[in-house]
Amino acid sequence: MGNCSSCGSTQVITAKLVHEDGRLQEFPYPVKVSYLLQEHPTCFICNSDEMDFDDVVSAVHENDVLQPGQLYFALPLSRLGQPLQPAEMAALAVKASSALMKYGGADRKYCCRRKHLAFSEEEYSKPHRSVPPAIRTGAVTFHRSRKGRSMDGSDRRGEFSALLSIIPE
């Protein structure tokens, strides 16, 4: 109650295409690869998830549709079927990161963020004064002492300690 956001999220999951010149193009609607190839006849489209070091760069089929949430590259036809060297992959990663930062920086500076919180009913069923038990996330759990005081009674606020555990396979 009372923790409402004053603006709604208008963010849509899009397919993102990084062009040779570093430009980012987003598609909030289905787009066939054949349409992009007509616009850019000297390029082919590849999915970033299918690119590996020293592996051959393959094109997305022209009848396929770009998938929302995926990152694609428009590369020159001369790169088709060529192994991807580590330096080339690093250059593509920098190009994609730069394009994403450029898009997400100035254009979205007034966008609000939502935090999704989940609480279990049994954690809060009994009234208590201490901070609720930590939620286990992976192999590390964080605990905070009561009322911002450390266990030895000193007044060091905001002190956290990590308890390591194992993850069963």
N, C-alpha and C. Protein backbone atom coordinates (compact mmCIF):
# COMPACT_ATOMS: atom_id res chain seq x y z
N MET A 1 0.83 -1.17 0.00
CA MET A 1 0.00 0.00 0.00
C MET A 1 0.88 1.24 0.00
N GLY A 2 0.56 2.16 -0.83
CA GLY A 2 1.29 3.41 -0.86
C GLY A 2 2.57 3.37 -1.65
N ASN A 3 3.00 2.20 -2.11
CA ASN A 3 4.22 2.10 -2.90
C ASN A 3 3.89 2.01 -4.37
N CYS A 4 3.17 2.98 -4.86
CA CYS A 4 2.77 2.99 -6.26
C CYS A 4 3.74 3.81 -7.08
N SER A 5 3.89 3.43 -8.31
CA SER A 5 4.73 4.18 -9.23
C SER A 5 3.87 5.21 -9.95
N SER A 6 4.42 6.39 -10.17
CA SER A 6 3.62 7.45 -10.77
C SER A 6 3.57 7.39 -12.28
N CYS A 7 4.39 6.55 -12.88
CA CYS A 7 4.32 6.43 -14.33
C CYS A 7 4.41 4.97 -14.72
N GLY A 8 3.66 4.59 -15.72
CA GLY A 8 3.63 3.21 -16.18
C GLY A 8 4.77 2.93 -17.12
N SER A 9 5.10 1.68 -17.27
CA SER A 9 6.16 1.28 -18.17
C SER A 9 5.63 1.20 -19.59
N THR A 10 6.32 1.85 -20.50
CA THR A 10 5.93 1.79 -21.90
C THR A 10 6.97 1.03 -22.70
N GLN A 11 7.86 0.35 -22.00
CA GLN A 11 8.94 -0.35 -22.65
C GLN A 11 8.42 -1.63 -23.31
N VAL A 12 8.78 -1.81 -24.58
CA VAL A 12 8.39 -2.98 -25.35
C VAL A 12 9.65 -3.77 -25.67
N ILE A 13 9.57 -5.07 -25.57
CA ILE A 13 10.72 -5.91 -25.94
C ILE A 13 10.84 -5.88 -27.45
N THR A 14 12.03 -5.55 -27.93
CA THR A 14 12.25 -5.38 -29.36
C THR A 14 13.39 -6.27 -29.84
N ALA A 15 13.40 -6.52 -31.14
CA ALA A 15 14.56 -7.14 -31.79
C ALA A 15 15.49 -5.99 -32.14
N LYS A 16 16.77 -6.14 -31.85
CA LYS A 16 17.74 -5.07 -32.07
C LYS A 16 18.73 -5.48 -33.15
N LEU A 17 18.98 -4.56 -34.08
CA LEU A 17 19.92 -4.80 -35.17
C LEU A 17 21.00 -3.74 -35.12
N VAL A 18 22.26 -4.18 -35.01
CA VAL A 18 23.40 -3.26 -35.03
C VAL A 18 23.96 -3.27 -36.44
N HIS A 19 23.95 -2.11 -37.08
CA HIS A 19 24.44 -1.97 -38.46
C HIS A 19 25.95 -1.87 -38.49
N GLU A 20 26.53 -1.97 -39.68
CA GLU A 20 27.98 -1.89 -39.86
C GLU A 20 28.55 -0.58 -39.31
N ASP A 21 27.80 0.51 -39.45
CA ASP A 21 28.28 1.82 -39.00
C ASP A 21 28.06 2.06 -37.51
N GLY A 22 27.54 1.06 -36.77
CA GLY A 22 27.33 1.19 -35.33
C GLY A 22 25.96 1.69 -34.95
N ARG A 23 25.13 1.96 -35.93
CA ARG A 23 23.77 2.43 -35.67
C ARG A 23 22.93 1.27 -35.13
N LEU A 24 22.03 1.58 -34.20
CA LEU A 24 21.12 0.58 -33.64
C LEU A 24 19.73 0.81 -34.19
N GLN A 25 19.12 -0.25 -34.70
CA GLN A 25 17.75 -0.17 -35.18
C GLN A 25 16.93 -1.18 -34.39
N GLU A 26 15.81 -0.73 -33.85
CA GLU A 26 14.95 -1.61 -33.06
C GLU A 26 13.65 -1.87 -33.79
N PHE A 27 13.15 -3.09 -33.63
CA PHE A 27 11.91 -3.49 -34.28
C PHE A 27 10.94 -4.01 -33.22
N PRO A 28 9.92 -3.22 -32.87
CA PRO A 28 8.93 -3.67 -31.90
C PRO A 28 7.86 -4.54 -32.56
N TYR A 29 7.98 -4.77 -33.84
CA TYR A 29 7.03 -5.56 -34.62
C TYR A 29 7.81 -6.63 -35.38
N PRO A 30 7.15 -7.70 -35.84
CA PRO A 30 7.85 -8.76 -36.57
C PRO A 30 8.41 -8.24 -37.90
N VAL A 31 9.68 -8.56 -38.15
CA VAL A 31 10.34 -8.16 -39.39
C VAL A 31 11.04 -9.38 -39.97
N LYS A 32 10.77 -9.64 -41.25
CA LYS A 32 11.45 -10.73 -41.94
C LYS A 32 12.85 -10.29 -42.34
N VAL A 33 13.77 -11.21 -42.29
CA VAL A 33 15.15 -10.93 -42.67
C VAL A 33 15.21 -10.52 -44.14
N SER A 34 14.36 -11.10 -44.98
CA SER A 34 14.35 -10.75 -46.41
C SER A 34 14.08 -9.27 -46.63
N TYR A 35 13.25 -8.66 -45.79
CA TYR A 35 12.97 -7.22 -45.89
C TYR A 35 14.25 -6.42 -45.62
N LEU A 36 14.99 -6.82 -44.59
CA LEU A 36 16.24 -6.12 -44.26
C LEU A 36 17.29 -6.31 -45.35
N LEU A 37 17.32 -7.49 -45.95
CA LEU A 37 18.29 -7.74 -47.02
C LEU A 37 17.98 -6.91 -48.26
N GLN A 38 16.72 -6.60 -48.50
CA GLN A 38 16.37 -5.72 -49.61
C GLN A 38 16.87 -4.31 -49.35
N GLU A 39 16.79 -3.86 -48.10
CA GLU A 39 17.28 -2.53 -47.74
C GLU A 39 18.80 -2.45 -47.73
N HIS A 40 19.45 -3.56 -47.39
CA HIS A 40 20.91 -3.61 -47.26
C HIS A 40 21.44 -4.80 -48.05
N PRO A 41 21.52 -4.70 -49.40
CA PRO A 41 21.89 -5.85 -50.23
C PRO A 41 23.35 -6.29 -50.08
N THR A 42 24.22 -5.48 -49.52
CA THR A 42 25.63 -5.87 -49.37
C THR A 42 25.92 -6.49 -48.01
N CYS A 43 24.87 -6.78 -47.23
CA CYS A 43 25.04 -7.33 -45.88
C CYS A 43 24.29 -8.64 -45.71
N PHE A 44 24.63 -9.34 -44.66
CA PHE A 44 23.82 -10.46 -44.20
C PHE A 44 23.55 -10.24 -42.72
N ILE A 45 22.51 -10.89 -42.20
CA ILE A 45 22.09 -10.72 -40.81
C ILE A 45 22.49 -11.97 -40.03
N CYS A 46 23.13 -11.77 -38.88
CA CYS A 46 23.47 -12.90 -38.02
C CYS A 46 23.02 -12.63 -36.59
N ASN A 47 22.67 -13.71 -35.90
CA ASN A 47 22.21 -13.63 -34.51
C ASN A 47 23.43 -13.65 -33.60
N SER A 48 23.49 -12.73 -32.67
CA SER A 48 24.65 -12.64 -31.77
C SER A 48 24.80 -13.89 -30.90
N ASP A 49 23.70 -14.57 -30.60
CA ASP A 49 23.77 -15.78 -29.77
C ASP A 49 24.43 -16.95 -30.49
N GLU A 50 24.50 -16.89 -31.80
CA GLU A 50 25.07 -17.99 -32.58
C GLU A 50 26.51 -17.71 -33.00
N MET A 51 27.11 -16.69 -32.45
CA MET A 51 28.48 -16.32 -32.80
C MET A 51 29.43 -16.82 -31.73
N ASP A 52 30.48 -17.55 -32.13
CA ASP A 52 31.49 -18.06 -31.21
C ASP A 52 32.88 -17.79 -31.76
N PHE A 53 33.87 -17.77 -30.85
CA PHE A 53 35.26 -17.59 -31.26
C PHE A 53 35.67 -18.69 -32.23
N ASP A 54 36.42 -18.32 -33.24
CA ASP A 54 36.98 -19.26 -34.22
C ASP A 54 35.93 -20.15 -34.87
N ASP A 55 34.67 -19.74 -34.84
CA ASP A 55 33.59 -20.47 -35.49
C ASP A 55 33.14 -19.67 -36.70
N VAL A 56 32.60 -20.37 -37.68
CA VAL A 56 32.14 -19.73 -38.91
C VAL A 56 30.91 -18.88 -38.62
N VAL A 57 30.90 -17.66 -39.17
CA VAL A 57 29.75 -16.77 -39.01
C VAL A 57 28.69 -17.20 -40.02
N SER A 58 27.49 -17.51 -39.52
CA SER A 58 26.41 -17.95 -40.40
C SER A 58 25.29 -16.92 -40.42
N ALA A 59 24.59 -16.89 -41.54
CA ALA A 59 23.50 -15.93 -41.72
C ALA A 59 22.18 -16.50 -41.22
N VAL A 60 21.32 -15.62 -40.75
CA VAL A 60 19.95 -15.99 -40.41
C VAL A 60 19.23 -16.17 -41.75
N HIS A 61 18.43 -17.21 -41.87
CA HIS A 61 17.73 -17.49 -43.13
C HIS A 61 16.80 -16.33 -43.49
N GLU A 62 16.70 -16.05 -44.78
CA GLU A 62 15.91 -14.89 -45.23
C GLU A 62 14.42 -15.01 -44.92
N ASN A 63 13.91 -16.21 -44.72
CA ASN A 63 12.49 -16.37 -44.38
C ASN A 63 12.21 -16.27 -42.88
N ASP A 64 13.27 -16.21 -42.09
CA ASP A 64 13.10 -16.10 -40.63
C ASP A 64 12.67 -14.69 -40.24
N VAL A 65 12.05 -14.61 -39.07
CA VAL A 65 11.61 -13.34 -38.50
C VAL A 65 12.53 -13.02 -37.32
N LEU A 66 12.94 -11.76 -37.19
CA LEU A 66 13.75 -11.35 -36.05
C LEU A 66 12.95 -11.54 -34.77
N GLN A 67 13.57 -12.14 -33.77
CA GLN A 67 12.90 -12.47 -32.51
C GLN A 67 13.06 -11.34 -31.49
N PRO A 68 11.98 -10.96 -30.81
CA PRO A 68 12.08 -9.93 -29.77
C PRO A 68 13.06 -10.36 -28.67
N GLY A 69 13.83 -9.42 -28.19
CA GLY A 69 14.80 -9.70 -27.14
C GLY A 69 16.14 -10.18 -27.65
N GLN A 70 16.26 -10.38 -28.95
CA GLN A 70 17.51 -10.86 -29.54
C GLN A 70 18.29 -9.70 -30.15
N LEU A 71 19.61 -9.85 -30.18
CA LEU A 71 20.50 -8.87 -30.78
C LEU A 71 21.07 -9.46 -32.06
N TYR A 72 20.99 -8.71 -33.14
CA TYR A 72 21.48 -9.15 -34.45
C TYR A 72 22.51 -8.16 -34.96
N PHE A 73 23.38 -8.65 -35.85
CA PHE A 73 24.35 -7.79 -36.51
C PHE A 73 24.13 -7.86 -38.01
N ALA A 74 24.29 -6.71 -38.68
CA ALA A 74 24.33 -6.65 -40.14
C ALA A 74 25.81 -6.58 -40.51
N LEU A 75 26.33 -7.66 -41.09
CA LEU A 75 27.75 -7.74 -41.43
C LEU A 75 27.92 -7.77 -42.94
N PRO A 76 29.08 -7.33 -43.44
CA PRO A 76 29.31 -7.36 -44.89
C PRO A 76 29.36 -8.80 -45.40
N LEU A 77 28.93 -9.00 -46.64
CA LEU A 77 28.89 -10.34 -47.23
C LEU A 77 30.26 -11.01 -47.24
N SER A 78 31.33 -10.24 -47.25
CA SER A 78 32.68 -10.81 -47.25
C SER A 78 32.97 -11.60 -45.96
N ARG A 79 32.24 -11.35 -44.88
CA ARG A 79 32.43 -12.05 -43.60
C ARG A 79 31.66 -13.37 -43.53
N LEU A 80 30.73 -13.59 -44.46
CA LEU A 80 29.90 -14.80 -44.45
C LEU A 80 30.76 -16.04 -44.64
N GLY A 81 30.62 -17.00 -43.75
CA GLY A 81 31.35 -18.25 -43.85
C GLY A 81 32.79 -18.17 -43.35
N GLN A 82 33.21 -17.03 -42.82
CA GLN A 82 34.57 -16.85 -42.31
C GLN A 82 34.60 -17.10 -40.80
N PRO A 83 35.69 -17.69 -40.30
CA PRO A 83 35.80 -17.85 -38.84
C PRO A 83 35.90 -16.49 -38.15
N LEU A 84 35.29 -16.38 -37.00
CA LEU A 84 35.28 -15.13 -36.23
C LEU A 84 36.45 -15.14 -35.25
N GLN A 85 37.39 -14.24 -35.46
CA GLN A 85 38.57 -14.13 -34.60
C GLN A 85 38.20 -13.42 -33.30
N PRO A 86 38.91 -13.71 -32.21
CA PRO A 86 38.61 -13.06 -30.93
C PRO A 86 38.62 -11.53 -31.01
N ALA A 87 39.56 -10.95 -31.74
CA ALA A 87 39.62 -9.49 -31.87
C ALA A 87 38.39 -8.95 -32.59
N GLU A 88 37.92 -9.68 -33.59
CA GLU A 88 36.72 -9.26 -34.33
C GLU A 88 35.48 -9.35 -33.44
N MET A 89 35.41 -10.41 -32.65
CA MET A 89 34.27 -10.56 -31.74
C MET A 89 34.28 -9.46 -30.69
N ALA A 90 35.45 -9.11 -30.20
CA ALA A 90 35.56 -8.02 -29.23
C ALA A 90 35.13 -6.70 -29.85
N ALA A 91 35.52 -6.46 -31.10
CA ALA A 91 35.12 -5.23 -31.79
C ALA A 91 33.61 -5.17 -31.97
N LEU A 92 32.99 -6.31 -32.29
CA LEU A 92 31.53 -6.35 -32.42
C LEU A 92 30.85 -6.10 -31.07
N ALA A 93 31.42 -6.65 -30.01
CA ALA A 93 30.85 -6.44 -28.67
C ALA A 93 30.93 -4.96 -28.28
N VAL A 94 32.05 -4.31 -28.59
CA VAL A 94 32.19 -2.88 -28.30
C VAL A 94 31.20 -2.08 -29.11
N LYS A 95 31.05 -2.44 -30.39
CA LYS A 95 30.11 -1.73 -31.26
C LYS A 95 28.68 -1.87 -30.74
N ALA A 96 28.30 -3.08 -30.34
CA ALA A 96 26.95 -3.31 -29.81
C ALA A 96 26.75 -2.56 -28.50
N SER A 97 27.73 -2.62 -27.61
CA SER A 97 27.63 -1.94 -26.33
C SER A 97 27.50 -0.43 -26.52
N SER A 98 28.29 0.11 -27.42
CA SER A 98 28.23 1.54 -27.71
C SER A 98 26.87 1.94 -28.27
N ALA A 99 26.35 1.12 -29.19
CA ALA A 99 25.03 1.41 -29.78
C ALA A 99 23.93 1.33 -28.73
N LEU A 100 24.00 0.35 -27.85
CA LEU A 100 22.98 0.20 -26.80
C LEU A 100 23.07 1.34 -25.79
N MET A 101 24.28 1.76 -25.45
CA MET A 101 24.45 2.87 -24.50
C MET A 101 23.95 4.18 -25.11
N LYS A 102 24.26 4.37 -26.38
CA LYS A 102 23.83 5.59 -27.06
C LYS A 102 22.31 5.66 -27.09
N TYR A 103 21.67 4.54 -27.35
CA TYR A 103 20.21 4.52 -27.40
C TYR A 103 19.62 4.67 -26.01
N GLY A 104 20.16 3.95 -25.04
CA GLY A 104 19.58 3.93 -23.70
C GLY A 104 19.95 5.12 -22.84
N GLY A 105 20.93 5.92 -23.23
CA GLY A 105 21.39 7.04 -22.41
C GLY A 105 20.49 8.25 -22.47
N ALA A 106 20.67 9.10 -23.47
CA ALA A 106 19.96 10.39 -23.54
C ALA A 106 18.47 10.22 -23.78
N ASP A 107 18.10 9.25 -24.60
CA ASP A 107 16.70 9.11 -24.95
C ASP A 107 15.84 8.64 -23.79
N ARG A 108 16.42 7.92 -22.84
CA ARG A 108 15.62 7.33 -21.76
C ARG A 108 15.96 7.90 -20.40
N LYS A 109 16.53 9.09 -20.33
CA LYS A 109 16.97 9.57 -19.03
C LYS A 109 15.83 9.92 -18.08
N TYR A 110 14.64 10.13 -18.59
CA TYR A 110 13.51 10.45 -17.72
C TYR A 110 12.58 9.26 -17.52
N CYS A 111 12.99 8.11 -17.93
CA CYS A 111 12.18 6.91 -17.75
C CYS A 111 12.28 6.45 -16.30
N CYS A 112 11.18 5.98 -15.76
CA CYS A 112 11.24 5.49 -14.39
C CYS A 112 11.44 3.98 -14.40
N ARG A 113 11.98 3.47 -13.30
CA ARG A 113 12.23 2.05 -13.18
C ARG A 113 11.27 1.45 -12.17
N ARG A 114 10.90 0.21 -12.40
CA ARG A 114 10.06 -0.51 -11.45
C ARG A 114 10.88 -1.58 -10.78
N LYS A 115 10.66 -1.74 -9.51
CA LYS A 115 11.30 -2.82 -8.78
C LYS A 115 10.22 -3.83 -8.44
N HIS A 116 10.50 -5.08 -8.76
CA HIS A 116 9.54 -6.15 -8.45
C HIS A 116 10.01 -6.84 -7.18
N LEU A 117 9.18 -6.84 -6.17
CA LEU A 117 9.50 -7.45 -4.90
C LEU A 117 8.56 -8.62 -4.64
N ALA A 118 9.10 -9.67 -4.06
CA ALA A 118 8.28 -10.83 -3.72
C ALA A 118 8.48 -11.14 -2.24
N PHE A 119 7.39 -11.34 -1.53
CA PHE A 119 7.44 -11.66 -0.12
C PHE A 119 6.61 -12.91 0.11
N SER A 120 7.12 -13.78 0.98
CA SER A 120 6.31 -14.95 1.32
C SER A 120 5.49 -14.60 2.55
N GLU A 121 4.31 -15.19 2.65
CA GLU A 121 3.39 -14.86 3.74
C GLU A 121 3.93 -15.32 5.09
N GLU A 122 4.62 -16.48 5.12
CA GLU A 122 5.07 -16.98 6.41
C GLU A 122 6.21 -16.16 7.00
N GLU A 123 6.99 -15.46 6.18
CA GLU A 123 8.05 -14.60 6.71
C GLU A 123 7.48 -13.44 7.51
N TYR A 124 6.30 -12.97 7.14
CA TYR A 124 5.73 -11.78 7.76
C TYR A 124 4.47 -12.06 8.57
N SER A 125 4.19 -13.33 8.86
CA SER A 125 2.98 -13.65 9.60
C SER A 125 3.10 -13.29 11.08
N LYS A 126 4.31 -13.37 11.66
CA LYS A 126 4.50 -13.03 13.06
C LYS A 126 5.12 -11.64 13.17
N PRO A 127 4.60 -10.83 14.10
CA PRO A 127 5.23 -9.52 14.27
C PRO A 127 6.60 -9.68 14.92
N HIS A 128 7.58 -8.96 14.43
CA HIS A 128 8.91 -8.99 15.00
C HIS A 128 9.60 -7.67 14.72
N ARG A 129 10.67 -7.41 15.48
CA ARG A 129 11.35 -6.13 15.35
C ARG A 129 12.59 -6.22 14.48
N SER A 130 13.12 -7.39 14.29
CA SER A 130 14.36 -7.50 13.52
C SER A 130 14.07 -7.50 12.03
N VAL A 131 15.12 -7.34 11.26
CA VAL A 131 15.00 -7.38 9.80
C VAL A 131 14.61 -8.80 9.42
N PRO A 132 13.70 -8.99 8.46
CA PRO A 132 13.26 -10.33 8.09
C PRO A 132 14.42 -11.20 7.61
N PRO A 133 14.25 -12.53 7.69
CA PRO A 133 15.30 -13.43 7.24
C PRO A 133 15.68 -13.13 5.79
N ALA A 134 16.94 -13.35 5.51
CA ALA A 134 17.42 -13.06 4.15
C ALA A 134 16.84 -14.06 3.17
N ILE A 135 16.68 -13.62 1.96
CA ILE A 135 16.20 -14.49 0.89
C ILE A 135 17.43 -15.10 0.24
N ARG A 136 17.46 -16.41 0.14
CA ARG A 136 18.63 -17.07 -0.43
C ARG A 136 18.63 -16.91 -1.94
N THR A 137 19.75 -16.41 -2.45
CA THR A 137 19.91 -16.24 -3.89
C THR A 137 21.22 -16.90 -4.29
N GLY A 138 21.14 -18.12 -4.78
CA GLY A 138 22.35 -18.80 -5.22
C GLY A 138 23.15 -19.29 -4.04
N ALA A 139 24.46 -19.02 -4.06
CA ALA A 139 25.35 -19.57 -3.05
C ALA A 139 25.65 -18.59 -1.92
N VAL A 140 25.21 -17.36 -2.01
CA VAL A 140 25.53 -16.37 -0.98
C VAL A 140 24.24 -15.85 -0.36
N THR A 141 24.21 -15.77 0.96
CA THR A 141 23.06 -15.21 1.67
C THR A 141 23.56 -14.04 2.50
N PHE A 142 22.84 -12.95 2.50
CA PHE A 142 23.22 -11.78 3.27
C PHE A 142 22.31 -11.64 4.47
N HIS A 143 22.88 -11.39 5.63
CA HIS A 143 22.13 -11.17 6.86
C HIS A 143 22.49 -9.80 7.39
N ARG A 144 21.55 -9.13 8.00
CA ARG A 144 21.81 -7.84 8.62
C ARG A 144 21.43 -7.93 10.08
N SER A 145 22.22 -7.32 10.91
CA SER A 145 21.93 -7.36 12.34
C SER A 145 20.76 -6.45 12.66
N ARG A 146 20.18 -6.64 13.86
CA ARG A 146 18.98 -5.89 14.25
C ARG A 146 19.24 -4.39 14.35
N LYS A 147 18.28 -3.61 13.89
CA LYS A 147 18.24 -2.16 14.08
C LYS A 147 19.53 -1.47 13.66
N GLY A 148 20.26 -2.05 12.70
CA GLY A 148 21.46 -1.41 12.21
C GLY A 148 22.66 -1.55 13.13
N ARG A 149 22.52 -2.27 14.25
CA ARG A 149 23.65 -2.44 15.16
C ARG A 149 24.30 -3.79 14.89
N SER A 150 25.59 -3.84 15.08
CA SER A 150 26.28 -5.11 14.89
C SER A 150 26.02 -6.00 16.10
N MET A 151 26.37 -7.25 16.00
CA MET A 151 26.09 -8.22 17.06
C MET A 151 26.84 -7.91 18.35
N ASP A 152 27.98 -7.21 18.26
CA ASP A 152 28.73 -6.90 19.48
C ASP A 152 28.22 -5.65 20.19
N GLY A 153 27.15 -5.03 19.66
CA GLY A 153 26.53 -3.89 20.32
C GLY A 153 27.04 -2.54 19.86
N SER A 154 28.09 -2.52 19.05
CA SER A 154 28.59 -1.23 18.57
C SER A 154 27.59 -0.63 17.58
N ASP A 155 27.75 0.64 17.28
CA ASP A 155 26.77 1.36 16.46
C ASP A 155 27.21 1.48 15.00
N ARG A 156 27.74 0.43 14.43
CA ARG A 156 28.13 0.46 13.02
C ARG A 156 26.91 0.06 12.20
N ARG A 157 26.34 1.01 11.52
CA ARG A 157 25.10 0.77 10.79
C ARG A 157 25.38 0.24 9.38
N GLY A 158 24.44 -0.56 8.88
CA GLY A 158 24.52 -1.03 7.50
C GLY A 158 25.61 -2.04 7.25
N GLU A 159 26.02 -2.77 8.26
CA GLU A 159 27.08 -3.74 8.08
C GLU A 159 26.47 -5.09 7.69
N PHE A 160 26.97 -5.67 6.62
CA PHE A 160 26.46 -6.93 6.14
C PHE A 160 27.58 -7.95 6.16
N SER A 161 27.22 -9.21 6.34
CA SER A 161 28.21 -10.27 6.25
C SER A 161 27.66 -11.36 5.34
N ALA A 162 28.54 -12.00 4.61
CA ALA A 162 28.13 -13.04 3.67
C ALA A 162 28.34 -14.41 4.29
N LEU A 163 27.36 -15.28 4.16
CA LEU A 163 27.47 -16.66 4.59
C LEU A 163 27.47 -17.51 3.33
N LEU A 164 28.53 -18.26 3.13
CA LEU A 164 28.63 -19.06 1.92
C LEU A 164 28.05 -20.44 2.17
N SER A 165 27.42 -20.98 1.15
CA SER A 165 26.88 -22.33 1.23
C SER A 165 27.14 -23.02 -0.10
N ILE A 166 26.78 -24.28 -0.19
CA ILE A 166 26.99 -25.02 -1.43
C ILE A 166 25.70 -25.09 -2.23
N ILE A 167 25.85 -25.34 -3.51
CA ILE A 167 24.69 -25.51 -4.38
C ILE A 167 24.67 -26.97 -4.81
N PRO A 168 23.66 -27.74 -4.40
CA PRO A 168 23.61 -29.16 -4.79
C PRO A 168 23.35 -29.29 -6.29
N GLU A 169 24.02 -30.29 -6.88
CA GLU A 169 23.84 -30.50 -8.33
C GLU A 169 22.82 -31.56 -8.61
